[in-house]
Amino acid sequence: MPVHPEILWAQRSSESDETKNVLYVTVNLPDIIPDTLQYNLTPTSISFKAKAGNASKGIEEREYEFAFDLFEEVVPEESSQKLSSRSFNLLIRKKEKKAEYWPRLTKEKIRTQFIKTDFSKWVDEDEQEGEKASFEDDFDMGGMGGMGGMPGMGGMPGMGGMPGMGGMPGMGGMGGMDLDAMLKSMGGGAGGEDDAGPSGAGGDSDSDDEGPPPLEEAEPKA
C-alpha cells in the first residue's frame, strides 16, 4: 500500500506582482527514483506518485502517493518543478492576485499529519515586502557555494608590509658622524656610547662620561 510522503508548504501574496503570488510546496522525500515519478498539477488539484529508496544505502524501495484539491485555483503553465536527491520542489503560481494569504493548502478543512508549514520559507503577510519569489534562489541551495568567496579576506596578510618599520634602525646612520674622531678630539675612547645601541642606554660601562653633547642632541626622542 502506498505511503503518504511529508509535504511542506509556504506562500507569498501580492495584488499586483504575479511573481510574488505563489506557493512553495516541497515533497520531503529523499532518493525519489526519477523514472517512477508521476506528477500532475491542474488548476484545482495536485497529485503525486513515485517510488523512493536506495539499495546501496540500505534504504528499502517503497511507493509513495498523494492527491488533493487545492484551496483555490492555480496556473499550472506558469508553475515550476525541481527534483533533487533530497526532495521534489514545486513553485506554484496562484491564479488570483490578492494580498491575503490562503488559510490552508487544501480545499477541505481537514487535519493531516503529512502537510506541514515550511518555516524555513515562511514569511508573515506583513513582513513579505521586499521578498522575491524565485525558484532558483529558494530551491537551488548549491548557489550558496558562492559564499566561498570569503577567503578573499586572505588579502589581509598584506599588512605584513608593516615590517618596513624595521627601517628605523637606519637611524644608525648617525654613525656617519665620525664618532671615533669626535671622541678622540675630546680625549674620550672609542667605547662607551657606541656600545649602548640605538636605545642610547649604557651597557656595562662604569664610566660616568655620558658622551659628547652633540650625540645627546642627536638621540631620537621618545
N, C-alpha and C. Protein backbone atom coordinates (compact mmCIF):
# COMPACT_ATOMS: atom_id res chain seq x y z
N MET A 1 0.86 -1.20 0.00
CA MET A 1 0.00 0.00 0.00
C MET A 1 0.89 1.25 0.00
N PRO A 2 0.61 2.23 -0.89
CA PRO A 2 1.43 3.45 -0.97
C PRO A 2 1.42 4.24 0.35
N VAL A 3 2.55 4.90 0.62
CA VAL A 3 2.70 5.71 1.83
C VAL A 3 2.55 7.19 1.46
N HIS A 4 1.95 7.97 2.34
CA HIS A 4 1.80 9.41 2.11
C HIS A 4 3.08 10.12 2.54
N PRO A 5 3.80 10.77 1.62
CA PRO A 5 5.04 11.46 2.00
C PRO A 5 4.75 12.77 2.73
N GLU A 6 5.74 13.28 3.41
CA GLU A 6 5.58 14.56 4.12
C GLU A 6 5.59 15.71 3.10
N ILE A 7 4.68 16.65 3.28
CA ILE A 7 4.59 17.82 2.39
C ILE A 7 4.79 19.08 3.22
N LEU A 8 5.73 19.91 2.81
CA LEU A 8 5.99 21.18 3.48
C LEU A 8 5.55 22.30 2.54
N TRP A 9 4.93 23.35 3.09
CA TRP A 9 4.50 24.43 2.21
C TRP A 9 4.59 25.80 2.87
N ALA A 10 4.74 26.80 2.03
CA ALA A 10 4.76 28.20 2.45
C ALA A 10 4.19 29.00 1.27
N GLN A 11 4.05 30.30 1.44
CA GLN A 11 3.45 31.09 0.37
C GLN A 11 3.85 32.55 0.41
N ARG A 12 3.59 33.25 -0.70
CA ARG A 12 3.72 34.69 -0.80
C ARG A 12 2.44 35.19 -1.48
N SER A 13 2.11 36.46 -1.30
CA SER A 13 0.91 37.00 -1.93
C SER A 13 1.14 38.43 -2.40
N SER A 14 0.43 38.83 -3.44
CA SER A 14 0.56 40.18 -3.97
C SER A 14 -0.67 40.51 -4.82
N GLU A 15 -1.11 41.76 -4.71
CA GLU A 15 -2.26 42.21 -5.50
C GLU A 15 -1.85 42.64 -6.91
N SER A 16 -0.55 42.91 -7.11
CA SER A 16 -0.10 43.44 -8.40
C SER A 16 1.02 42.64 -9.07
N ASP A 17 1.86 42.00 -8.28
CA ASP A 17 3.01 41.29 -8.85
C ASP A 17 2.75 39.78 -8.81
N GLU A 18 2.52 39.20 -9.98
CA GLU A 18 2.20 37.77 -10.02
C GLU A 18 3.38 36.88 -9.61
N THR A 19 4.60 37.40 -9.76
CA THR A 19 5.77 36.61 -9.37
C THR A 19 5.87 36.47 -7.85
N LYS A 20 5.13 37.31 -7.14
CA LYS A 20 5.12 37.24 -5.67
C LYS A 20 3.81 36.67 -5.16
N ASN A 21 3.09 36.00 -6.04
CA ASN A 21 1.80 35.43 -5.67
C ASN A 21 1.88 33.91 -5.90
N VAL A 22 2.63 33.25 -5.03
CA VAL A 22 2.97 31.84 -5.26
C VAL A 22 2.88 30.96 -4.01
N LEU A 23 2.97 29.65 -4.28
CA LEU A 23 3.03 28.64 -3.23
C LEU A 23 4.38 27.92 -3.36
N TYR A 24 5.01 27.67 -2.24
CA TYR A 24 6.21 26.84 -2.21
C TYR A 24 5.78 25.49 -1.64
N VAL A 25 5.85 24.45 -2.42
CA VAL A 25 5.46 23.12 -1.96
C VAL A 25 6.65 22.17 -2.12
N THR A 26 7.00 21.49 -1.04
CA THR A 26 8.12 20.56 -1.06
C THR A 26 7.66 19.17 -0.62
N VAL A 27 7.83 18.20 -1.52
CA VAL A 27 7.57 16.81 -1.14
C VAL A 27 8.88 16.33 -0.51
N ASN A 28 8.88 16.26 0.80
CA ASN A 28 10.11 15.98 1.55
C ASN A 28 10.42 14.48 1.55
N LEU A 29 10.92 14.04 0.39
CA LEU A 29 11.16 12.61 0.20
C LEU A 29 12.49 12.40 -0.52
N PRO A 30 13.51 11.88 0.16
CA PRO A 30 14.81 11.66 -0.49
C PRO A 30 14.83 10.42 -1.37
N ASP A 31 15.77 10.38 -2.29
CA ASP A 31 16.01 9.22 -3.15
C ASP A 31 14.79 8.82 -3.98
N ILE A 32 14.10 9.82 -4.53
CA ILE A 32 13.00 9.51 -5.45
C ILE A 32 13.60 8.95 -6.74
N ILE A 33 13.03 7.86 -7.24
CA ILE A 33 13.51 7.26 -8.49
C ILE A 33 12.84 8.01 -9.65
N PRO A 34 13.61 8.79 -10.40
CA PRO A 34 13.05 9.66 -11.46
C PRO A 34 12.10 8.96 -12.42
N ASP A 35 12.44 7.74 -12.84
CA ASP A 35 11.62 7.04 -13.84
C ASP A 35 10.24 6.66 -13.31
N THR A 36 10.06 6.70 -12.01
CA THR A 36 8.77 6.31 -11.43
C THR A 36 7.91 7.51 -11.06
N LEU A 37 8.47 8.71 -11.21
CA LEU A 37 7.76 9.91 -10.78
C LEU A 37 6.57 10.26 -11.69
N GLN A 38 5.41 10.38 -11.08
CA GLN A 38 4.20 10.80 -11.78
C GLN A 38 3.61 11.99 -11.02
N TYR A 39 3.68 13.15 -11.65
CA TYR A 39 3.21 14.37 -11.00
C TYR A 39 2.23 15.09 -11.93
N ASN A 40 1.13 15.52 -11.36
CA ASN A 40 0.13 16.22 -12.18
C ASN A 40 -0.46 17.40 -11.42
N LEU A 41 -0.38 18.57 -12.03
CA LEU A 41 -0.93 19.78 -11.43
C LEU A 41 -2.00 20.33 -12.36
N THR A 42 -3.20 20.50 -11.83
CA THR A 42 -4.31 21.09 -12.60
C THR A 42 -4.66 22.42 -11.94
N PRO A 43 -5.55 23.21 -12.53
CA PRO A 43 -5.92 24.47 -11.90
C PRO A 43 -6.53 24.32 -10.50
N THR A 44 -7.03 23.13 -10.20
CA THR A 44 -7.71 22.95 -8.92
C THR A 44 -7.15 21.84 -8.03
N SER A 45 -6.20 21.05 -8.55
CA SER A 45 -5.72 19.92 -7.75
C SER A 45 -4.26 19.59 -8.03
N ILE A 46 -3.72 18.73 -7.18
CA ILE A 46 -2.34 18.27 -7.31
C ILE A 46 -2.28 16.79 -6.96
N SER A 47 -1.46 16.03 -7.70
CA SER A 47 -1.29 14.61 -7.40
C SER A 47 0.17 14.22 -7.62
N PHE A 48 0.59 13.24 -6.86
CA PHE A 48 1.99 12.79 -6.90
C PHE A 48 2.03 11.30 -6.64
N LYS A 49 2.92 10.61 -7.39
CA LYS A 49 3.12 9.18 -7.18
C LYS A 49 4.53 8.84 -7.62
N ALA A 50 5.26 8.11 -6.78
CA ALA A 50 6.64 7.75 -7.13
C ALA A 50 7.15 6.67 -6.18
N LYS A 51 8.26 6.06 -6.60
CA LYS A 51 8.95 5.12 -5.74
C LYS A 51 10.23 5.80 -5.26
N ALA A 52 10.61 5.49 -4.04
CA ALA A 52 11.83 6.07 -3.48
C ALA A 52 12.57 5.01 -2.68
N GLY A 53 13.89 5.10 -2.72
CA GLY A 53 14.71 4.14 -1.99
C GLY A 53 16.09 4.07 -2.62
N ASN A 54 17.01 3.45 -1.92
CA ASN A 54 18.37 3.33 -2.42
C ASN A 54 19.01 2.09 -1.80
N ALA A 55 19.10 1.07 -2.61
CA ALA A 55 19.63 -0.21 -2.11
C ALA A 55 21.07 -0.08 -1.63
N SER A 56 21.86 0.77 -2.30
CA SER A 56 23.27 0.93 -1.92
C SER A 56 23.40 1.57 -0.54
N LYS A 57 22.36 2.30 -0.10
CA LYS A 57 22.36 2.92 1.22
C LYS A 57 21.58 2.09 2.23
N GLY A 58 21.07 0.97 1.77
CA GLY A 58 20.29 0.12 2.66
C GLY A 58 18.88 0.64 2.88
N ILE A 59 18.42 1.55 1.98
CA ILE A 59 17.07 2.11 2.10
C ILE A 59 16.13 1.33 1.20
N GLU A 60 15.16 0.69 1.80
CA GLU A 60 14.22 -0.15 1.06
C GLU A 60 13.37 0.70 0.11
N GLU A 61 13.18 0.21 -1.08
CA GLU A 61 12.34 0.91 -2.07
C GLU A 61 10.87 0.78 -1.69
N ARG A 62 10.20 1.94 -1.65
CA ARG A 62 8.78 1.94 -1.30
C ARG A 62 8.02 2.86 -2.24
N GLU A 63 6.73 2.69 -2.27
CA GLU A 63 5.89 3.51 -3.15
C GLU A 63 5.18 4.58 -2.32
N TYR A 64 5.18 5.81 -2.84
CA TYR A 64 4.56 6.94 -2.15
C TYR A 64 3.52 7.60 -3.07
N GLU A 65 2.50 8.17 -2.42
CA GLU A 65 1.42 8.75 -3.24
C GLU A 65 0.57 9.72 -2.43
N PHE A 66 0.06 10.75 -3.11
CA PHE A 66 -0.95 11.63 -2.51
C PHE A 66 -1.69 12.37 -3.62
N ALA A 67 -2.87 12.87 -3.27
CA ALA A 67 -3.68 13.66 -4.21
C ALA A 67 -4.71 14.43 -3.40
N PHE A 68 -4.88 15.72 -3.71
CA PHE A 68 -5.91 16.51 -3.03
C PHE A 68 -6.23 17.77 -3.84
N ASP A 69 -7.38 18.35 -3.54
CA ASP A 69 -7.79 19.59 -4.19
C ASP A 69 -7.15 20.77 -3.46
N LEU A 70 -6.76 21.78 -4.22
CA LEU A 70 -6.13 22.98 -3.65
C LEU A 70 -7.19 23.96 -3.16
N PHE A 71 -6.79 24.81 -2.21
CA PHE A 71 -7.72 25.76 -1.61
C PHE A 71 -8.36 26.66 -2.66
N GLU A 72 -7.55 27.17 -3.59
CA GLU A 72 -8.07 27.98 -4.69
C GLU A 72 -7.34 27.59 -5.98
N GLU A 73 -7.71 28.22 -7.08
CA GLU A 73 -7.11 27.86 -8.36
C GLU A 73 -5.68 28.36 -8.52
N VAL A 74 -4.93 27.60 -9.33
CA VAL A 74 -3.54 27.95 -9.63
C VAL A 74 -3.35 27.96 -11.15
N VAL A 75 -2.15 28.31 -11.58
CA VAL A 75 -1.84 28.38 -13.02
C VAL A 75 -0.73 27.38 -13.31
N PRO A 76 -1.06 26.16 -13.74
CA PRO A 76 -0.06 25.11 -13.97
C PRO A 76 1.04 25.50 -14.96
N GLU A 77 0.66 26.18 -16.06
CA GLU A 77 1.64 26.51 -17.09
C GLU A 77 2.65 27.57 -16.63
N GLU A 78 2.39 28.23 -15.54
CA GLU A 78 3.33 29.23 -15.01
C GLU A 78 3.96 28.76 -13.70
N SER A 79 3.89 27.47 -13.48
CA SER A 79 4.47 26.87 -12.28
C SER A 79 5.72 26.07 -12.65
N SER A 80 6.58 25.81 -11.67
CA SER A 80 7.85 25.12 -11.93
C SER A 80 8.03 23.96 -10.98
N GLN A 81 8.94 23.07 -11.35
CA GLN A 81 9.24 21.91 -10.51
C GLN A 81 10.72 21.58 -10.60
N LYS A 82 11.24 20.96 -9.55
CA LYS A 82 12.67 20.61 -9.50
C LYS A 82 12.86 19.38 -8.62
N LEU A 83 13.49 18.39 -9.19
CA LEU A 83 13.75 17.15 -8.45
C LEU A 83 15.21 17.12 -8.02
N SER A 84 15.43 16.85 -6.74
CA SER A 84 16.80 16.71 -6.23
C SER A 84 16.89 15.37 -5.50
N SER A 85 18.07 15.06 -5.01
CA SER A 85 18.25 13.79 -4.29
C SER A 85 17.57 13.82 -2.93
N ARG A 86 17.20 15.01 -2.47
CA ARG A 86 16.59 15.16 -1.15
C ARG A 86 15.07 15.33 -1.18
N SER A 87 14.55 15.92 -2.29
CA SER A 87 13.13 16.24 -2.31
C SER A 87 12.64 16.60 -3.71
N PHE A 88 11.32 16.78 -3.82
CA PHE A 88 10.69 17.23 -5.05
C PHE A 88 10.07 18.59 -4.74
N ASN A 89 10.60 19.64 -5.40
CA ASN A 89 10.21 21.00 -5.06
C ASN A 89 9.32 21.64 -6.13
N LEU A 90 8.30 22.35 -5.67
CA LEU A 90 7.35 22.97 -6.59
C LEU A 90 7.20 24.45 -6.28
N LEU A 91 7.13 25.26 -7.32
CA LEU A 91 6.82 26.67 -7.18
C LEU A 91 5.54 26.87 -7.99
N ILE A 92 4.43 27.03 -7.30
CA ILE A 92 3.11 27.05 -7.95
C ILE A 92 2.54 28.46 -7.94
N ARG A 93 2.15 28.94 -9.10
CA ARG A 93 1.60 30.29 -9.23
C ARG A 93 0.10 30.31 -8.89
N LYS A 94 -0.28 31.15 -7.95
CA LYS A 94 -1.70 31.30 -7.63
C LYS A 94 -2.39 32.06 -8.77
N LYS A 95 -3.63 31.76 -9.02
CA LYS A 95 -4.35 32.42 -10.12
C LYS A 95 -4.80 33.82 -9.74
N GLU A 96 -5.43 33.94 -8.59
CA GLU A 96 -5.96 35.24 -8.16
C GLU A 96 -4.90 36.03 -7.39
N LYS A 97 -4.65 37.24 -7.88
CA LYS A 97 -3.68 38.11 -7.20
C LYS A 97 -4.41 38.88 -6.09
N LYS A 98 -3.99 38.65 -4.86
CA LYS A 98 -4.57 39.36 -3.72
C LYS A 98 -3.57 39.35 -2.57
N ALA A 99 -3.77 40.30 -1.66
CA ALA A 99 -2.82 40.45 -0.56
C ALA A 99 -2.97 39.37 0.50
N GLU A 100 -4.18 38.83 0.65
CA GLU A 100 -4.43 37.87 1.72
C GLU A 100 -3.81 36.50 1.40
N TYR A 101 -3.30 35.88 2.42
CA TYR A 101 -2.77 34.52 2.30
C TYR A 101 -3.91 33.51 2.23
N TRP A 102 -3.60 32.34 1.67
CA TRP A 102 -4.53 31.22 1.78
C TRP A 102 -4.50 30.77 3.23
N PRO A 103 -5.64 30.44 3.81
CA PRO A 103 -5.64 29.97 5.20
C PRO A 103 -5.10 28.54 5.34
N ARG A 104 -5.08 27.79 4.24
CA ARG A 104 -4.57 26.42 4.23
C ARG A 104 -4.27 26.02 2.78
N LEU A 105 -3.60 24.91 2.61
CA LEU A 105 -3.23 24.44 1.28
C LEU A 105 -4.36 23.65 0.61
N THR A 106 -5.11 22.89 1.39
CA THR A 106 -6.16 22.04 0.85
C THR A 106 -7.52 22.74 0.81
N LYS A 107 -8.35 22.29 -0.13
CA LYS A 107 -9.69 22.87 -0.24
C LYS A 107 -10.54 22.53 0.98
N GLU A 108 -10.46 21.26 1.37
CA GLU A 108 -11.22 20.81 2.53
C GLU A 108 -10.47 21.15 3.82
N LYS A 109 -11.20 21.57 4.80
CA LYS A 109 -10.59 21.90 6.09
C LYS A 109 -10.44 20.62 6.90
N ILE A 110 -9.30 19.98 6.70
CA ILE A 110 -9.04 18.72 7.37
C ILE A 110 -7.69 18.77 8.07
N ARG A 111 -7.56 17.97 9.10
CA ARG A 111 -6.28 17.87 9.82
C ARG A 111 -5.52 16.66 9.27
N THR A 112 -4.26 16.89 8.95
CA THR A 112 -3.43 15.79 8.48
C THR A 112 -2.01 15.96 9.00
N GLN A 113 -1.41 14.87 9.38
CA GLN A 113 -0.05 14.91 9.92
C GLN A 113 1.00 15.00 8.83
N PHE A 114 0.55 14.88 7.56
CA PHE A 114 1.50 14.86 6.46
C PHE A 114 1.76 16.23 5.83
N ILE A 115 0.86 17.18 6.04
CA ILE A 115 1.02 18.52 5.46
C ILE A 115 1.40 19.49 6.58
N LYS A 116 2.59 20.09 6.44
CA LYS A 116 3.11 20.95 7.50
C LYS A 116 3.62 22.28 6.93
N THR A 117 3.66 23.28 7.78
CA THR A 117 4.21 24.58 7.39
C THR A 117 5.72 24.49 7.23
N ASP A 118 6.21 25.06 6.14
CA ASP A 118 7.66 25.09 5.90
C ASP A 118 8.20 26.39 6.50
N PHE A 119 8.63 26.33 7.74
CA PHE A 119 9.08 27.54 8.44
C PHE A 119 10.37 28.11 7.86
N SER A 120 11.12 27.32 7.11
CA SER A 120 12.35 27.83 6.51
C SER A 120 12.06 28.81 5.37
N LYS A 121 10.83 28.75 4.83
CA LYS A 121 10.46 29.66 3.74
C LYS A 121 9.31 30.60 4.12
N TRP A 122 8.70 30.35 5.25
CA TRP A 122 7.51 31.12 5.62
C TRP A 122 7.84 32.55 6.02
N VAL A 123 7.02 33.49 5.53
CA VAL A 123 7.12 34.89 5.91
C VAL A 123 5.70 35.38 6.17
N ASP A 124 5.48 36.09 7.26
CA ASP A 124 4.14 36.60 7.54
C ASP A 124 3.71 37.62 6.50
N GLU A 125 2.40 37.77 6.35
CA GLU A 125 1.85 38.68 5.34
C GLU A 125 2.44 40.08 5.44
N ASP A 126 2.55 40.60 6.65
CA ASP A 126 3.02 41.97 6.83
C ASP A 126 4.54 42.09 6.83
N GLU A 127 5.24 40.99 6.56
CA GLU A 127 6.70 41.04 6.54
C GLU A 127 7.28 40.61 5.19
N GLN A 128 6.43 40.47 4.18
CA GLN A 128 6.90 39.96 2.90
C GLN A 128 7.33 41.05 1.92
N GLU A 129 7.24 42.31 2.32
CA GLU A 129 7.69 43.40 1.46
C GLU A 129 9.18 43.24 1.17
N GLY A 130 9.54 43.31 -0.11
CA GLY A 130 10.94 43.17 -0.47
C GLY A 130 11.34 41.74 -0.76
N GLU A 131 10.48 40.78 -0.40
CA GLU A 131 10.76 39.38 -0.68
C GLU A 131 10.55 39.10 -2.17
N LYS A 132 11.39 38.28 -2.74
CA LYS A 132 11.28 37.92 -4.15
C LYS A 132 11.09 36.42 -4.27
N ALA A 133 9.99 36.03 -4.92
CA ALA A 133 9.72 34.62 -5.12
C ALA A 133 10.54 34.13 -6.31
N SER A 134 11.58 33.40 -6.05
CA SER A 134 12.47 32.92 -7.10
C SER A 134 12.72 31.43 -6.93
N PHE A 135 12.40 30.67 -7.95
CA PHE A 135 12.57 29.22 -7.88
C PHE A 135 14.04 28.87 -7.66
N GLU A 136 14.93 29.53 -8.41
CA GLU A 136 16.35 29.23 -8.29
C GLU A 136 16.90 29.62 -6.92
N ASP A 137 16.51 30.80 -6.45
CA ASP A 137 17.04 31.28 -5.17
C ASP A 137 16.63 30.39 -4.00
N ASP A 138 15.39 29.88 -4.06
CA ASP A 138 14.87 29.15 -2.92
C ASP A 138 15.12 27.65 -2.96
N PHE A 139 15.32 27.09 -4.15
CA PHE A 139 15.46 25.65 -4.22
C PHE A 139 16.84 25.17 -4.63
N ASP A 140 17.63 26.02 -5.31
CA ASP A 140 18.97 25.61 -5.69
C ASP A 140 19.95 26.06 -4.63
N MET A 141 20.00 25.32 -3.52
CA MET A 141 20.84 25.70 -2.41
C MET A 141 22.32 25.63 -2.76
N GLY A 142 22.64 24.94 -3.87
CA GLY A 142 24.03 24.84 -4.26
C GLY A 142 24.63 26.20 -4.53
N GLY A 143 23.76 27.18 -4.84
CA GLY A 143 24.25 28.52 -5.12
C GLY A 143 24.94 29.14 -3.93
N MET A 144 24.67 28.60 -2.74
CA MET A 144 25.28 29.16 -1.55
C MET A 144 26.78 28.98 -1.56
N GLY A 145 27.24 28.11 -2.46
CA GLY A 145 28.68 27.88 -2.53
C GLY A 145 29.44 29.15 -2.85
N GLY A 146 28.70 30.13 -3.38
CA GLY A 146 29.35 31.39 -3.71
C GLY A 146 29.93 32.07 -2.50
N MET A 147 29.46 31.68 -1.33
CA MET A 147 29.99 32.28 -0.11
C MET A 147 31.47 31.94 0.07
N GLY A 148 31.91 30.96 -0.74
CA GLY A 148 33.31 30.58 -0.64
C GLY A 148 34.23 31.73 -0.99
N GLY A 149 33.65 32.77 -1.58
CA GLY A 149 34.47 33.91 -1.94
C GLY A 149 35.05 34.62 -0.74
N MET A 150 34.54 34.34 0.43
CA MET A 150 35.01 34.99 1.63
C MET A 150 36.50 34.81 1.90
N PRO A 151 37.10 33.65 1.42
CA PRO A 151 38.54 33.53 1.67
C PRO A 151 39.36 34.66 1.08
N GLY A 152 38.71 35.49 0.24
CA GLY A 152 39.43 36.63 -0.32
C GLY A 152 39.96 37.53 0.78
N MET A 153 39.43 37.39 1.96
CA MET A 153 39.90 38.17 3.09
C MET A 153 41.35 37.84 3.41
N GLY A 154 41.80 36.74 2.76
CA GLY A 154 43.18 36.35 2.99
C GLY A 154 44.13 37.44 2.56
N GLY A 155 43.61 38.43 1.81
CA GLY A 155 44.47 39.52 1.38
C GLY A 155 45.00 40.32 2.55
N MET A 156 44.43 40.15 3.70
CA MET A 156 44.87 40.88 4.88
C MET A 156 46.34 40.67 5.22
N PRO A 157 46.94 39.47 4.83
CA PRO A 157 48.36 39.33 5.14
C PRO A 157 49.22 40.42 4.52
N GLY A 158 48.62 41.19 3.60
CA GLY A 158 49.36 42.31 3.02
C GLY A 158 49.83 43.26 4.10
N MET A 159 49.20 43.18 5.25
CA MET A 159 49.61 44.02 6.36
C MET A 159 51.03 43.69 6.79
N GLY A 160 51.50 42.54 6.24
CA GLY A 160 52.87 42.16 6.58
C GLY A 160 53.86 43.23 6.16
N GLY A 161 53.38 44.18 5.33
CA GLY A 161 54.26 45.26 4.90
C GLY A 161 54.73 46.09 6.08
N MET A 162 54.04 45.98 7.19
CA MET A 162 54.40 46.76 8.36
C MET A 162 55.84 46.55 8.81
N PRO A 163 56.42 45.33 8.54
CA PRO A 163 57.82 45.19 8.96
C PRO A 163 58.75 46.23 8.35
N GLY A 164 58.21 46.96 7.36
CA GLY A 164 59.01 48.03 6.76
C GLY A 164 59.45 49.02 7.82
N MET A 165 58.74 49.03 8.94
CA MET A 165 59.13 49.92 10.03
C MET A 165 60.52 49.59 10.53
N GLY A 166 60.95 48.36 10.12
CA GLY A 166 62.30 47.96 10.52
C GLY A 166 63.33 48.94 9.99
N GLY A 167 62.88 49.80 9.09
CA GLY A 167 63.80 50.79 8.54
C GLY A 167 64.30 51.74 9.61
N MET A 168 63.64 51.76 10.74
CA MET A 168 64.07 52.66 11.81
C MET A 168 65.52 52.49 12.22
N PRO A 169 66.01 51.21 12.15
CA PRO A 169 67.43 51.08 12.51
C PRO A 169 68.33 51.93 11.63
N GLY A 170 67.75 52.42 10.53
CA GLY A 170 68.54 53.28 9.65
C GLY A 170 69.04 54.50 10.40
N MET A 171 68.41 54.78 11.52
CA MET A 171 68.85 55.91 12.33
C MET A 171 70.30 55.70 12.78
N GLY A 172 70.68 54.40 12.64
CA GLY A 172 72.07 54.13 12.99
C GLY A 172 73.00 54.89 12.06
N GLY A 173 72.42 55.45 11.03
CA GLY A 173 73.21 56.23 10.08
C GLY A 173 73.88 57.41 10.77
N MET A 174 73.42 57.72 11.96
CA MET A 174 74.06 58.79 12.72
C MET A 174 75.53 58.50 12.92
N GLY A 175 75.84 57.18 12.73
CA GLY A 175 77.25 56.81 12.88
C GLY A 175 78.11 57.51 11.82
N GLY A 176 77.41 58.09 10.84
CA GLY A 176 78.13 58.81 9.80
C GLY A 176 78.91 59.97 10.39
N MET A 177 78.48 60.44 11.54
CA MET A 177 79.24 61.46 12.25
C MET A 177 80.45 60.72 12.82
N ASP A 178 81.62 61.02 12.45
CA ASP A 178 82.81 60.26 12.84
C ASP A 178 82.96 60.24 14.35
N LEU A 179 82.32 59.25 14.99
CA LEU A 179 82.32 59.18 16.45
C LEU A 179 83.73 59.04 17.02
N ASP A 180 84.51 58.15 16.37
CA ASP A 180 85.88 57.96 16.89
C ASP A 180 86.66 59.26 16.89
N ALA A 181 86.49 60.00 15.79
CA ALA A 181 87.25 61.26 15.68
C ALA A 181 86.80 62.24 16.74
N MET A 182 85.46 62.31 16.96
CA MET A 182 84.95 63.27 17.94
C MET A 182 85.38 62.90 19.35
N LEU A 183 85.31 61.57 19.64
CA LEU A 183 85.70 61.15 20.98
C LEU A 183 87.18 61.39 21.24
N LYS A 184 87.99 61.11 20.19
CA LYS A 184 89.42 61.32 20.35
C LYS A 184 89.73 62.79 20.55
N SER A 185 88.98 63.66 19.83
CA SER A 185 89.25 65.10 19.94
C SER A 185 88.91 65.61 21.33
N MET A 186 87.99 64.86 22.02
CA MET A 186 87.60 65.29 23.37
C MET A 186 88.29 64.45 24.43
N GLY A 187 89.25 63.63 23.96
CA GLY A 187 90.02 62.85 24.93
C GLY A 187 89.33 61.59 25.36
N GLY A 188 88.19 61.22 24.69
CA GLY A 188 87.47 60.01 25.08
C GLY A 188 87.95 58.82 24.30
N GLY A 189 87.39 57.63 24.64
CA GLY A 189 87.76 56.42 23.93
C GLY A 189 86.76 56.11 22.85
N ALA A 190 86.92 54.99 22.20
CA ALA A 190 86.01 54.59 21.12
C ALA A 190 84.89 53.73 21.67
N GLY A 191 84.80 53.50 23.01
CA GLY A 191 83.77 52.63 23.57
C GLY A 191 82.61 53.44 24.10
N GLY A 192 82.08 53.02 25.26
CA GLY A 192 81.02 53.77 25.94
C GLY A 192 79.76 53.88 25.12
N GLU A 193 79.46 55.08 24.65
CA GLU A 193 78.20 55.40 23.99
C GLU A 193 77.99 54.56 22.75
N ASP A 194 79.04 54.23 22.06
CA ASP A 194 78.88 53.45 20.82
C ASP A 194 78.39 52.05 21.13
N ASP A 195 78.64 51.57 22.38
CA ASP A 195 78.21 50.23 22.76
C ASP A 195 76.78 50.22 23.27
N ALA A 196 76.19 51.38 23.43
CA ALA A 196 74.85 51.46 24.02
C ALA A 196 73.78 51.01 23.05
N GLY A 197 74.01 51.01 21.76
CA GLY A 197 73.00 50.61 20.79
C GLY A 197 72.06 51.75 20.49
N PRO A 198 71.08 51.48 19.62
CA PRO A 198 70.13 52.52 19.18
C PRO A 198 69.35 53.14 20.31
N SER A 199 69.13 52.39 21.42
CA SER A 199 68.31 52.93 22.50
C SER A 199 69.04 54.01 23.28
N GLY A 200 70.35 54.02 23.18
CA GLY A 200 71.12 55.04 23.91
C GLY A 200 71.34 54.66 25.35
N ALA A 201 70.88 53.46 25.77
CA ALA A 201 71.05 53.04 27.16
C ALA A 201 72.44 52.49 27.33
N GLY A 202 73.15 52.90 28.38
CA GLY A 202 74.51 52.46 28.61
C GLY A 202 74.61 50.97 28.81
N GLY A 203 75.70 50.37 28.42
CA GLY A 203 75.88 48.93 28.57
C GLY A 203 76.44 48.64 29.94
N ASP A 204 77.59 47.92 29.98
CA ASP A 204 78.17 47.56 31.26
C ASP A 204 79.26 48.54 31.70
N SER A 205 79.42 49.63 30.98
CA SER A 205 80.48 50.59 31.29
C SER A 205 80.23 51.27 32.62
N ASP A 206 81.31 51.39 33.43
CA ASP A 206 81.19 52.06 34.72
C ASP A 206 81.53 53.53 34.62
N SER A 207 81.84 53.98 33.42
CA SER A 207 82.24 55.37 33.23
C SER A 207 81.09 56.31 33.46
N ASP A 208 81.38 57.46 34.11
CA ASP A 208 80.35 58.48 34.32
C ASP A 208 80.25 59.40 33.12
N ASP A 209 81.12 59.15 32.13
CA ASP A 209 81.14 60.01 30.95
C ASP A 209 79.93 59.67 30.07
N GLU A 210 79.00 60.60 29.91
CA GLU A 210 77.80 60.37 29.13
C GLU A 210 78.02 60.63 27.66
N GLY A 211 79.24 60.93 27.28
CA GLY A 211 79.50 61.17 25.87
C GLY A 211 79.36 62.64 25.54
N PRO A 212 79.83 63.01 24.41
CA PRO A 212 79.80 64.41 23.99
C PRO A 212 78.38 64.91 23.76
N PRO A 213 78.11 66.16 24.13
CA PRO A 213 76.78 66.77 23.97
C PRO A 213 76.19 66.61 22.58
N PRO A 214 76.97 66.70 21.50
CA PRO A 214 76.36 66.56 20.17
C PRO A 214 75.61 65.24 20.00
N LEU A 215 76.11 64.19 20.61
CA LEU A 215 75.44 62.91 20.48
C LEU A 215 74.11 62.90 21.19
N GLU A 216 74.04 63.54 22.39
CA GLU A 216 72.79 63.59 23.13
C GLU A 216 71.74 64.34 22.35
N GLU A 217 72.15 65.39 21.67
CA GLU A 217 71.19 66.19 20.91
C GLU A 217 70.67 65.41 19.71
N ALA A 218 71.49 64.50 19.26
CA ALA A 218 71.09 63.76 18.04
C ALA A 218 70.26 62.52 18.35
N GLU A 219 70.15 62.17 19.67
CA GLU A 219 69.40 60.98 20.01
C GLU A 219 67.91 61.17 19.71
N PRO A 220 67.25 60.09 19.25
CA PRO A 220 65.79 60.18 18.99
C PRO A 220 65.05 60.37 20.30
N LYS A 221 64.05 61.18 20.28
CA LYS A 221 63.24 61.43 21.47
C LYS A 221 62.04 60.53 21.46
N ALA A 222 61.63 60.05 22.63
CA ALA A 222 60.53 59.12 22.74
C ALA A 222 59.23 59.83 22.37
